[in-house]
């Protein structure tokens, strides 16, 4: 797959995550809507993080000529989603909430902010 196709796949899943995550923060916790929308959110987050692992770093230094520092957010996501899900299943509400906030802030707000930096695909897509 080409980098551009992977980027569009990533954007098609990460943009809804930004809004779904925001909605989930304000919904009443523990309801069927929260649980079902949360499963959609977690599935999209896992998919989008996996897609990014196939995208070579285009800016800055890289490990194995592929992974850049921003891939750290992908690994954070692949760890945090299952552990947050298990925390919720075990009734560890505070652990679940903490992990989900970390995921939203780290993987969506911070990583998303970095993608707007000059030299990155999204910066070029938005501002030419």
Protein backbone atom coordinates (compact mmCIF):
# COMPACT_ATOMS: atom_id res chain seq x y z
CA UNK A 1 0.00 0.00 0.00
CA UNK A 2 1.11 3.50 -0.62
CA UNK A 3 1.78 5.96 2.14
CA UNK A 4 -1.01 8.20 0.90
CA UNK A 5 -3.60 5.39 0.99
CA UNK A 6 -2.52 4.46 4.52
CA UNK A 7 -2.77 8.11 5.55
CA UNK A 8 -6.32 8.38 4.24
CA UNK A 9 -7.26 5.13 6.02
CA UNK A 10 -5.77 6.57 9.19
CA UNK A 11 -7.62 9.88 8.81
CA UNK A 12 -10.91 8.10 8.06
CA UNK A 13 -10.71 6.33 11.41
CA UNK A 14 -8.92 8.81 13.66
CA UNK A 15 -11.15 11.82 12.89
CA UNK A 16 -14.31 10.03 14.07
CA UNK A 17 -12.36 8.92 17.16
CA UNK A 18 -11.68 12.52 18.07
CA UNK A 19 -15.39 13.34 18.11
CA UNK A 20 -16.59 10.03 19.56
CA UNK A 21 -14.05 10.35 22.38
CA UNK A 22 -15.25 13.86 23.12
CA UNK A 23 -18.88 12.68 23.25
CA UNK A 24 -17.93 9.75 25.50
CA UNK A 25 -16.34 12.09 28.02
CA UNK A 26 -19.64 13.89 28.49
CA UNK A 27 -22.05 10.94 28.32
CA UNK A 28 -23.38 9.32 31.46
CA UNK A 29 -20.94 6.53 32.21
CA UNK A 30 -21.97 2.88 32.26
CA UNK A 31 -25.05 3.24 30.05
CA UNK A 32 -25.64 1.03 27.02
CA UNK A 33 -24.92 4.01 24.78
CA UNK A 34 -21.61 4.65 26.55
CA UNK A 35 -20.60 0.99 26.38
CA UNK A 36 -21.56 0.50 22.74
CA UNK A 37 -20.07 3.78 21.55
CA UNK A 38 -16.98 3.00 23.63
CA UNK A 39 -16.55 -0.32 21.83
CA UNK A 40 -16.76 1.47 18.47
CA UNK A 41 -14.23 4.03 19.71
CA UNK A 42 -11.84 1.35 20.96
CA UNK A 43 -12.13 -0.65 17.73
CA UNK A 44 -11.42 2.42 15.62
CA UNK A 45 -8.49 3.38 17.83
CA UNK A 46 -6.95 -0.10 17.52
CA UNK A 47 -7.44 -0.07 13.75
CA UNK A 48 -6.00 3.41 13.27
CA UNK A 49 -2.98 2.65 15.49
CA UNK A 50 -2.30 -0.53 13.53
CA UNK A 51 -2.49 1.34 10.22
CA UNK A 52 0.12 3.84 11.41
CA UNK A 53 2.60 1.06 12.11
CA UNK A 54 2.76 0.42 8.36
CA UNK A 55 3.49 4.08 7.63
CA UNK A 56 7.22 4.86 7.64
CA UNK A 57 8.35 7.98 9.49
CA UNK A 58 8.63 10.89 7.08
CA UNK A 59 10.00 13.50 9.49
CA UNK A 60 12.91 13.28 11.92
CA UNK A 61 15.08 10.35 12.93
CA UNK A 62 13.82 6.79 12.61
CA UNK A 63 14.47 3.39 14.12
CA UNK A 64 15.05 0.53 11.67
CA UNK A 65 14.58 3.11 8.91
CA UNK A 66 10.82 3.01 9.62
CA UNK A 67 9.60 3.95 13.12
CA UNK A 68 9.68 7.59 14.18
CA UNK A 69 9.01 9.05 17.61
CA UNK A 70 5.33 9.60 16.74
CA UNK A 71 4.93 5.80 16.44
CA UNK A 72 5.23 5.79 20.22
CA UNK A 73 1.62 7.01 20.32
CA UNK A 74 0.60 4.00 18.24
CA UNK A 75 2.23 1.63 20.72
CA UNK A 76 0.64 3.58 23.58
CA UNK A 77 -2.75 3.04 21.95
CA UNK A 78 -2.18 -0.68 21.33
CA UNK A 79 -1.35 -1.08 25.02
CA UNK A 80 -3.90 1.28 26.52
CA UNK A 81 -7.05 0.17 24.70
CA UNK A 82 -6.99 -3.48 25.86
CA UNK A 83 -5.92 -2.58 29.40
CA UNK A 84 -8.66 0.07 29.65
CA UNK A 85 -11.22 -2.42 28.37
CA UNK A 86 -10.11 -5.02 30.92
CA UNK A 87 -10.23 -2.43 33.71
CA UNK A 88 -13.84 -1.63 32.79
CA UNK A 89 -14.72 -5.33 32.67
CA UNK A 90 -13.23 -5.83 36.15
CA UNK A 91 -15.17 -2.87 37.54
CA UNK A 92 -12.01 -0.77 37.99
CA UNK A 93 -13.79 2.41 36.95
CA UNK A 94 -11.08 4.88 37.98
CA UNK A 95 -8.34 2.91 36.19
CA UNK A 96 -10.52 2.70 33.08
CA UNK A 97 -11.25 6.45 33.17
CA UNK A 98 -7.58 7.34 33.72
CA UNK A 99 -6.46 5.16 30.80
CA UNK A 100 -9.12 6.51 28.48
CA UNK A 101 -8.23 10.12 29.30
CA UNK A 102 -4.54 9.31 28.76
CA UNK A 103 -5.44 7.71 25.43
CA UNK A 104 -7.51 10.68 24.28
CA UNK A 105 -5.00 13.32 25.31
CA UNK A 106 -1.90 11.40 24.21
CA UNK A 107 -3.00 9.65 21.05
CA UNK A 108 -5.51 12.18 19.73
CA UNK A 109 -4.73 15.64 21.08
CA UNK A 110 -0.91 15.50 21.31
CA UNK A 111 -0.23 13.22 18.35
CA UNK A 112 -2.88 15.05 16.33
CA UNK A 113 -1.25 18.35 17.16
CA UNK A 114 2.14 17.08 16.00
CA UNK A 115 0.68 16.02 12.65
CA UNK A 116 -0.10 19.65 11.90
CA UNK A 117 3.61 20.56 12.01
CA UNK A 118 5.29 21.70 8.79
CA UNK A 119 6.65 18.81 6.74
CA UNK A 120 3.87 16.43 7.76
CA UNK A 121 1.20 15.11 5.40
CA UNK A 122 -1.75 16.67 7.25
CA UNK A 123 -0.08 20.09 7.33
CA UNK A 124 0.40 19.87 3.59
CA UNK A 125 -3.15 18.60 3.03
CA UNK A 126 -4.75 21.45 5.02
CA UNK A 127 -2.49 24.38 4.20
CA UNK A 128 -0.97 23.25 0.90
